Amino acid sequence: MYTYKLHLHKEEDGGFTVIVPALPGCITYGEYIDEAVSMSKEAIELYIEELKERGEKIPDDTNTVEYSLSI
């Protein structure tokens, strides 16, 4: 089991872009938050599948701590 942080960015025209920082280039989109999260799960699964086929290491965010600071 792998753990990933998702960054959801609300778009001006509506919907949400999702970036998975631990997986470079793993970006997806959904009209609503639930759809965006669902799409990100699918994108992550496909990304991991490709890494496995190539025999590459699968990174994740298990040891990553995230903190938001407002100034």
PDB file of N, CA and C in Angstrom:
ATOM      1  N   MET A   1       0.849  -1.184   0.000  1.00  0.00           N
ATOM      2  CA  MET A   1       0.000   0.000   0.000  1.00  0.00           C
ATOM      3  C   MET A   1       0.888   1.239   0.000  1.00  0.00           C
ATOM      4  N   TYR A   2       0.531   2.204  -0.808  1.00  0.00           N
ATOM      5  CA  TYR A   2       1.278   3.437  -0.941  1.00  0.00           C
ATOM      6  C   TYR A   2       0.421   4.611  -0.463  1.00  0.00           C
ATOM      7  N   THR A   3       1.081   5.669  -0.007  1.00  0.00           N
ATOM      8  CA  THR A   3       0.399   6.864   0.468  1.00  0.00           C
ATOM      9  C   THR A   3       0.822   8.049  -0.389  1.00  0.00           C
ATOM     10  N   TYR A   4      -0.144   8.836  -0.836  1.00  0.00           N
ATOM     11  CA  TYR A   4       0.156   9.996  -1.665  1.00  0.00           C
ATOM     12  C   TYR A   4      -0.608  11.213  -1.199  1.00  0.00           C
ATOM     13  N   LYS A   5       0.068  12.346  -1.227  1.00  0.00           N
ATOM     14  CA  LYS A   5      -0.568  13.624  -0.956  1.00  0.00           C
ATOM     15  C   LYS A   5      -1.062  14.166  -2.295  1.00  0.00           C
ATOM     16  N   LEU A   6      -2.218  14.769  -2.270  1.00  0.00           N
ATOM     17  CA  LEU A   6      -2.812  15.366  -3.468  1.00  0.00           C
ATOM     18  C   LEU A   6      -2.895  16.870  -3.268  1.00  0.00           C
ATOM     19  N   HIS A   7      -2.501  17.624  -4.276  1.00  0.00           N
ATOM     20  CA  HIS A   7      -2.694  19.068  -4.249  1.00  0.00           C
ATOM     21  C   HIS A   7      -3.817  19.384  -5.229  1.00  0.00           C
ATOM     22  N   LEU A   8      -4.928  19.888  -4.696  1.00  0.00           N
ATOM     23  CA  LEU A   8      -6.072  20.253  -5.526  1.00  0.00           C
ATOM     24  C   LEU A   8      -6.084  21.770  -5.697  1.00  0.00           C
ATOM     25  N   HIS A   9      -6.123  22.205  -6.943  1.00  0.00           N
ATOM     26  CA  HIS A   9      -6.150  23.627  -7.249  1.00  0.00           C
ATOM     27  C   HIS A   9      -7.474  23.953  -7.927  1.00  0.00           C
ATOM     28  N   LYS A  10      -8.231  24.851  -7.290  1.00  0.00           N
ATOM     29  CA  LYS A  10      -9.508  25.268  -7.874  1.00  0.00           C
ATOM     30  C   LYS A  10      -9.229  26.157  -9.076  1.00  0.00           C
ATOM     31  N   GLU A  11      -9.799  25.811 -10.215  1.00  0.00           N
ATOM     32  CA  GLU A  11      -9.587  26.552 -11.452  1.00  0.00           C
ATOM     33  C   GLU A  11     -10.596  27.697 -11.562  1.00  0.00           C
ATOM     34  N   GLU A  12     -10.170  28.793 -12.163  1.00  0.00           N
ATOM     35  CA  GLU A  12     -11.048  29.958 -12.318  1.00  0.00           C
ATOM     36  C   GLU A  12     -12.305  29.627 -13.108  1.00  0.00           C
ATOM     37  N   ASP A  13     -12.178  28.761 -14.104  1.00  0.00           N
ATOM     38  CA  ASP A  13     -13.315  28.391 -14.952  1.00  0.00           C
ATOM     39  C   ASP A  13     -14.143  27.260 -14.356  1.00  0.00           C
ATOM     40  N   GLY A  14     -13.774  26.819 -13.164  1.00  0.00           N
ATOM     41  CA  GLY A  14     -14.479  25.722 -12.508  1.00  0.00           C
ATOM     42  C   GLY A  14     -13.673  24.450 -12.541  1.00  0.00           C
ATOM     43  N   GLY A  15     -13.981  23.566 -11.646  1.00  0.00           N
ATOM     44  CA  GLY A  15     -13.283  22.294 -11.565  1.00  0.00           C
ATOM     45  C   GLY A  15     -11.987  22.396 -10.776  1.00  0.00           C
ATOM     46  N   PHE A  16     -11.316  21.267 -10.674  1.00  0.00           N
ATOM     47  CA  PHE A  16     -10.108  21.174  -9.870  1.00  0.00           C
ATOM     48  C   PHE A  16      -9.029  20.401 -10.615  1.00  0.00           C
ATOM     49  N   THR A  17      -7.833  20.970 -10.641  1.00  0.00           N
ATOM     50  CA  THR A  17      -6.670  20.269 -11.151  1.00  0.00           C
ATOM     51  C   THR A  17      -5.996  19.608  -9.959  1.00  0.00           C
ATOM     52  N   VAL A  18      -5.586  18.357 -10.132  1.00  0.00           N
ATOM     53  CA  VAL A  18      -4.931  17.611  -9.060  1.00  0.00           C
ATOM     54  C   VAL A  18      -3.507  17.280  -9.490  1.00  0.00           C
ATOM     55  N   ILE A  19      -2.568  17.576  -8.593  1.00  0.00           N
ATOM     56  CA  ILE A  19      -1.154  17.257  -8.810  1.00  0.00           C
ATOM     57  C   ILE A  19      -0.735  16.298  -7.711  1.00  0.00           C
ATOM     58  N   VAL A  20       0.012  15.265  -8.081  1.00  0.00           N
ATOM     59  CA  VAL A  20       0.560  14.299  -7.122  1.00  0.00           C
ATOM     60  C   VAL A  20       2.071  14.568  -7.068  1.00  0.00           C
ATOM     61  N   PRO A  21       2.534  15.365  -6.100  1.00  0.00           N
ATOM     62  CA  PRO A  21       3.938  15.782  -6.078  1.00  0.00           C
ATOM     63  C   PRO A  21       4.953  14.639  -6.065  1.00  0.00           C
ATOM     64  N   ALA A  22       4.652  13.539  -5.440  1.00  0.00           N
ATOM     65  CA  ALA A  22       5.597  12.423  -5.353  1.00  0.00           C
ATOM     66  C   ALA A  22       5.770  11.705  -6.692  1.00  0.00           C
ATOM     67  N   LEU A  23       4.842  11.945  -7.628  1.00  0.00           N
ATOM     68  CA  LEU A  23       4.887  11.284  -8.935  1.00  0.00           C
ATOM     69  C   LEU A  23       4.955  12.355 -10.022  1.00  0.00           C
ATOM     70  N   PRO A  24       6.163  12.772 -10.401  1.00  0.00           N
ATOM     71  CA  PRO A  24       6.310  13.854 -11.378  1.00  0.00           C
ATOM     72  C   PRO A  24       5.503  13.598 -12.655  1.00  0.00           C
ATOM     73  N   GLY A  25       4.722  14.610 -13.029  1.00  0.00           N
ATOM     74  CA  GLY A  25       3.913  14.501 -14.237  1.00  0.00           C
ATOM     75  C   GLY A  25       2.560  13.865 -14.022  1.00  0.00           C
ATOM     76  N   CYS A  26       2.275  13.419 -12.801  1.00  0.00           N
ATOM     77  CA  CYS A  26       0.972  12.806 -12.504  1.00  0.00           C
ATOM     78  C   CYS A  26      -0.006  13.930 -12.161  1.00  0.00           C
ATOM     79  N   ILE A  27      -0.767  14.345 -13.166  1.00  0.00           N
ATOM     80  CA  ILE A  27      -1.706  15.462 -13.047  1.00  0.00           C
ATOM     81  C   ILE A  27      -3.021  15.035 -13.671  1.00  0.00           C
ATOM     82  N   THR A  28      -4.117  15.418 -13.029  1.00  0.00           N
ATOM     83  CA  THR A  28      -5.429  15.097 -13.584  1.00  0.00           C
ATOM     84  C   THR A  28      -6.400  16.216 -13.228  1.00  0.00           C
ATOM     85  N   TYR A  29      -7.665  16.040 -13.574  1.00  0.00           N
ATOM     86  CA  TYR A  29      -8.666  17.090 -13.416  1.00  0.00           C
ATOM     87  C   TYR A  29     -10.029  16.473 -13.141  1.00  0.00           C
ATOM     88  N   GLY A  30     -10.852  17.178 -12.390  1.00  0.00           N
ATOM     89  CA  GLY A  30     -12.228  16.776 -12.172  1.00  0.00           C
ATOM     90  C   GLY A  30     -13.108  17.995 -11.992  1.00  0.00           C
ATOM     91  N   GLU A  31     -14.357  17.903 -12.404  1.00  0.00           N
ATOM     92  CA  GLU A  31     -15.297  19.020 -12.263  1.00  0.00           C
ATOM     93  C   GLU A  31     -15.600  19.332 -10.792  1.00  0.00           C
ATOM     94  N   TYR A  32     -15.641  18.281  -9.973  1.00  0.00           N
ATOM     95  CA  TYR A  32     -15.940  18.424  -8.547  1.00  0.00           C
ATOM     96  C   TYR A  32     -14.827  17.754  -7.752  1.00  0.00           C
ATOM     97  N   ILE A  33     -14.715  18.077  -6.474  1.00  0.00           N
ATOM     98  CA  ILE A  33     -13.641  17.517  -5.653  1.00  0.00           C
ATOM     99  C   ILE A  33     -13.689  15.995  -5.656  1.00  0.00           C
ATOM    100  N   ASP A  34     -14.860  15.416  -5.464  1.00  0.00           N
ATOM    101  CA  ASP A  34     -14.973  13.949  -5.448  1.00  0.00           C
ATOM    102  C   ASP A  34     -14.499  13.338  -6.764  1.00  0.00           C
ATOM    103  N   GLU A  35     -14.875  13.958  -7.871  1.00  0.00           N
ATOM    104  CA  GLU A  35     -14.453  13.458  -9.172  1.00  0.00           C
ATOM    105  C   GLU A  35     -12.940  13.618  -9.340  1.00  0.00           C
ATOM    106  N   ALA A  36     -12.396  14.745  -8.895  1.00  0.00           N
ATOM    107  CA  ALA A  36     -10.954  14.985  -9.008  1.00  0.00           C
ATOM    108  C   ALA A  36     -10.164  13.958  -8.210  1.00  0.00           C
ATOM    109  N   VAL A  37     -10.621  13.642  -7.015  1.00  0.00           N
ATOM    110  CA  VAL A  37      -9.947  12.643  -6.184  1.00  0.00           C
ATOM    111  C   VAL A  37     -10.048  11.266  -6.846  1.00  0.00           C
ATOM    112  N   SER A  38     -11.212  10.928  -7.362  1.00  0.00           N
ATOM    113  CA  SER A  38     -11.393   9.652  -8.052  1.00  0.00           C
ATOM    114  C   SER A  38     -10.475   9.553  -9.272  1.00  0.00           C
ATOM    115  N   MET A  39     -10.377  10.631 -10.029  1.00  0.00           N
ATOM    116  CA  MET A  39      -9.508  10.651 -11.203  1.00  0.00           C
ATOM    117  C   MET A  39      -8.042  10.522 -10.796  1.00  0.00           C
ATOM    118  N   SER A  40      -7.688  11.118  -9.662  1.00  0.00           N
ATOM    119  CA  SER A  40      -6.299  11.019  -9.210  1.00  0.00           C
ATOM    120  C   SER A  40      -5.957   9.589  -8.800  1.00  0.00           C
ATOM    121  N   LYS A  41      -6.909   8.884  -8.214  1.00  0.00           N
ATOM    122  CA  LYS A  41      -6.670   7.485  -7.849  1.00  0.00           C
ATOM    123  C   LYS A  41      -6.363   6.670  -9.106  1.00  0.00           C
ATOM    124  N   GLU A  42      -7.149   6.880 -10.139  1.00  0.00           N
ATOM    125  CA  GLU A  42      -6.935   6.167 -11.398  1.00  0.00           C
ATOM    126  C   GLU A  42      -5.576   6.533 -12.010  1.00  0.00           C
ATOM    127  N   ALA A  43      -5.244   7.826 -11.994  1.00  0.00           N
ATOM    128  CA  ALA A  43      -3.969   8.275 -12.561  1.00  0.00           C
ATOM    129  C   ALA A  43      -2.788   7.681 -11.792  1.00  0.00           C
ATOM    130  N   ILE A  44      -2.891   7.628 -10.468  1.00  0.00           N
ATOM    131  CA  ILE A  44      -1.826   7.054  -9.637  1.00  0.00           C
ATOM    132  C   ILE A  44      -1.665   5.567  -9.934  1.00  0.00           C
ATOM    133  N   GLU A  45      -2.775   4.855 -10.028  1.00  0.00           N
ATOM    134  CA  GLU A  45      -2.710   3.416 -10.312  1.00  0.00           C
ATOM    135  C   GLU A  45      -2.020   3.154 -11.656  1.00  0.00           C
ATOM    136  N   LEU A  46      -2.341   3.943 -12.671  1.00  0.00           N
ATOM    137  CA  LEU A  46      -1.713   3.780 -13.985  1.00  0.00           C
ATOM    138  C   LEU A  46      -0.225   4.139 -13.926  1.00  0.00           C
ATOM    139  N   TYR A  47       0.110   5.170 -13.190  1.00  0.00           N
ATOM    140  CA  TYR A  47       1.498   5.594 -13.031  1.00  0.00           C
ATOM    141  C   TYR A  47       2.306   4.478 -12.371  1.00  0.00           C
ATOM    142  N   ILE A  48       1.779   3.917 -11.275  1.00  0.00           N
ATOM    143  CA  ILE A  48       2.466   2.837 -10.561  1.00  0.00           C
ATOM    144  C   ILE A  48       2.626   1.614 -11.469  1.00  0.00           C
ATOM    145  N   GLU A  49       1.587   1.286 -12.214  1.00  0.00           N
ATOM    146  CA  GLU A  49       1.650   0.150 -13.135  1.00  0.00           C
ATOM    147  C   GLU A  49       2.797   0.326 -14.126  1.00  0.00           C
ATOM    148  N   GLU A  50       2.937   1.538 -14.656  1.00  0.00           N
ATOM    149  CA  GLU A  50       4.014   1.821 -15.608  1.00  0.00           C
ATOM    150  C   GLU A  50       5.384   1.689 -14.932  1.00  0.00           C
ATOM    151  N   LEU A  51       5.523   2.199 -13.717  1.00  0.00           N
ATOM    152  CA  LEU A  51       6.794   2.074 -12.997  1.00  0.00           C
ATOM    153  C   LEU A  51       7.150   0.609 -12.767  1.00  0.00           C
ATOM    154  N   LYS A  52       6.161  -0.193 -12.401  1.00  0.00           N
ATOM    155  CA  LYS A  52       6.404  -1.619 -12.170  1.00  0.00           C
ATOM    156  C   LYS A  52       6.857  -2.304 -13.451  1.00  0.00           C
ATOM    157  N   GLU A  53       6.214  -1.988 -14.567  1.00  0.00           N
ATOM    158  CA  GLU A  53       6.580  -2.587 -15.850  1.00  0.00           C
ATOM    159  C   GLU A  53       8.019  -2.246 -16.225  1.00  0.00           C
ATOM    160  N   ARG A  54       8.462  -1.066 -15.845  1.00  0.00           N
ATOM    161  CA  ARG A  54       9.827  -0.633 -16.147  1.00  0.00           C
ATOM    162  C   ARG A  54      10.839  -1.111 -15.105  1.00  0.00           C
ATOM    163  N   GLY A  55      10.336  -1.685 -14.011  1.00  0.00           N
ATOM    164  CA  GLY A  55      11.207  -2.145 -12.945  1.00  0.00           C
ATOM    165  C   GLY A  55      11.790  -1.005 -12.117  1.00  0.00           C
ATOM    166  N   GLU A  56      11.097   0.129 -12.111  1.00  0.00           N
ATOM    167  CA  GLU A  56      11.577   1.301 -11.379  1.00  0.00           C
ATOM    168  C   GLU A  56      11.009   1.335  -9.964  1.00  0.00           C
ATOM    169  N   LYS A  57      11.703   2.042  -9.096  1.00  0.00           N
ATOM    170  CA  LYS A  57      11.267   2.227  -7.705  1.00  0.00           C
ATOM    171  C   LYS A  57       9.968   3.038  -7.693  1.00  0.00           C
ATOM    172  N   ILE A  58       9.077   2.682  -6.773  1.00  0.00           N
ATOM    173  CA  ILE A  58       7.796   3.380  -6.653  1.00  0.00           C
ATOM    174  C   ILE A  58       7.866   4.321  -5.454  1.00  0.00           C
ATOM    175  N   PRO A  59       7.949   5.630  -5.715  1.00  0.00           N
ATOM    176  CA  PRO A  59       7.997   6.590  -4.609  1.00  0.00           C
ATOM    177  C   PRO A  59       6.612   6.785  -4.001  1.00  0.00           C
ATOM    178  N   ASP A  60       6.581   7.195  -2.747  1.00  0.00           N
ATOM    179  CA  ASP A  60       5.313   7.585  -2.126  1.00  0.00           C
ATOM    180  C   ASP A  60       5.591   8.615  -1.033  1.00  0.00           C
ATOM    181  N   ASP A  61       4.538   9.029  -0.351  1.00  0.00           N
ATOM    182  CA  ASP A  61       4.635  10.075   0.668  1.00  0.00           C
ATOM    183  C   ASP A  61       4.534   9.541   2.087  1.00  0.00           C
ATOM    184  N   THR A  62       4.855   8.269   2.299  1.00  0.00           N
ATOM    185  CA  THR A  62       4.730   7.679   3.631  1.00  0.00           C
ATOM    186  C   THR A  62       5.494   8.474   4.679  1.00  0.00           C
ATOM    187  N   ASN A  63       6.683   8.950   4.347  1.00  0.00           N
ATOM    188  CA  ASN A  63       7.517   9.654   5.313  1.00  0.00           C
ATOM    189  C   ASN A  63       7.513  11.165   5.113  1.00  0.00           C
ATOM    190  N   THR A  64       6.518  11.673   4.423  1.00  0.00           N
ATOM    191  CA  THR A  64       6.426  13.105   4.157  1.00  0.00           C
ATOM    192  C   THR A  64       5.449  13.748   5.129  1.00  0.00           C
ATOM    193  N   VAL A  65       5.875  14.857   5.691  1.00  0.00           N
ATOM    194  CA  VAL A  65       5.007  15.644   6.567  1.00  0.00           C
ATOM    195  C   VAL A  65       4.678  16.927   5.820  1.00  0.00           C
ATOM    196  N   GLU A  66       3.421  17.269   5.817  1.00  0.00           N
ATOM    197  CA  GLU A  66       3.012  18.481   5.114  1.00  0.00           C
ATOM    198  C   GLU A  66       2.506  19.483   6.130  1.00  0.00           C
ATOM    199  N   TYR A  67       2.855  20.726   5.905  1.00  0.00           N
ATOM    200  CA  TYR A  67       2.460  21.786   6.819  1.00  0.00           C
ATOM    201  C   TYR A  67       2.104  23.013   5.988  1.00  0.00           C
ATOM    202  N   SER A  68       1.025  23.675   6.325  1.00  0.00           N
ATOM    203  CA  SER A  68       0.643  24.907   5.657  1.00  0.00           C
ATOM    204  C   SER A  68       0.887  26.077   6.589  1.00  0.00           C
ATOM    205  N   LEU A  69       1.551  27.096   6.072  1.00  0.00           N
ATOM    206  CA  LEU A  69       1.877  28.260   6.861  1.00  0.00           C
ATOM    207  C   LEU A  69       1.248  29.476   6.194  1.00  0.00           C
ATOM    208  N   SER A  70       0.434  30.209   6.937  1.00  0.00           N
ATOM    209  CA  SER A  70      -0.182  31.424   6.421  1.00  0.00           C
ATOM    210  C   SER A  70       0.529  32.630   7.029  1.00  0.00           C
ATOM    211  N   ILE A  71       0.902  33.542   6.169  1.00  0.00           N
ATOM    212  CA  ILE A  71       1.604  34.751   6.656  1.00  0.00           C
ATOM    213  C   ILE A  71       0.833  35.969   6.221  1.00  0.00           C
TER     214      ILE A  71
END
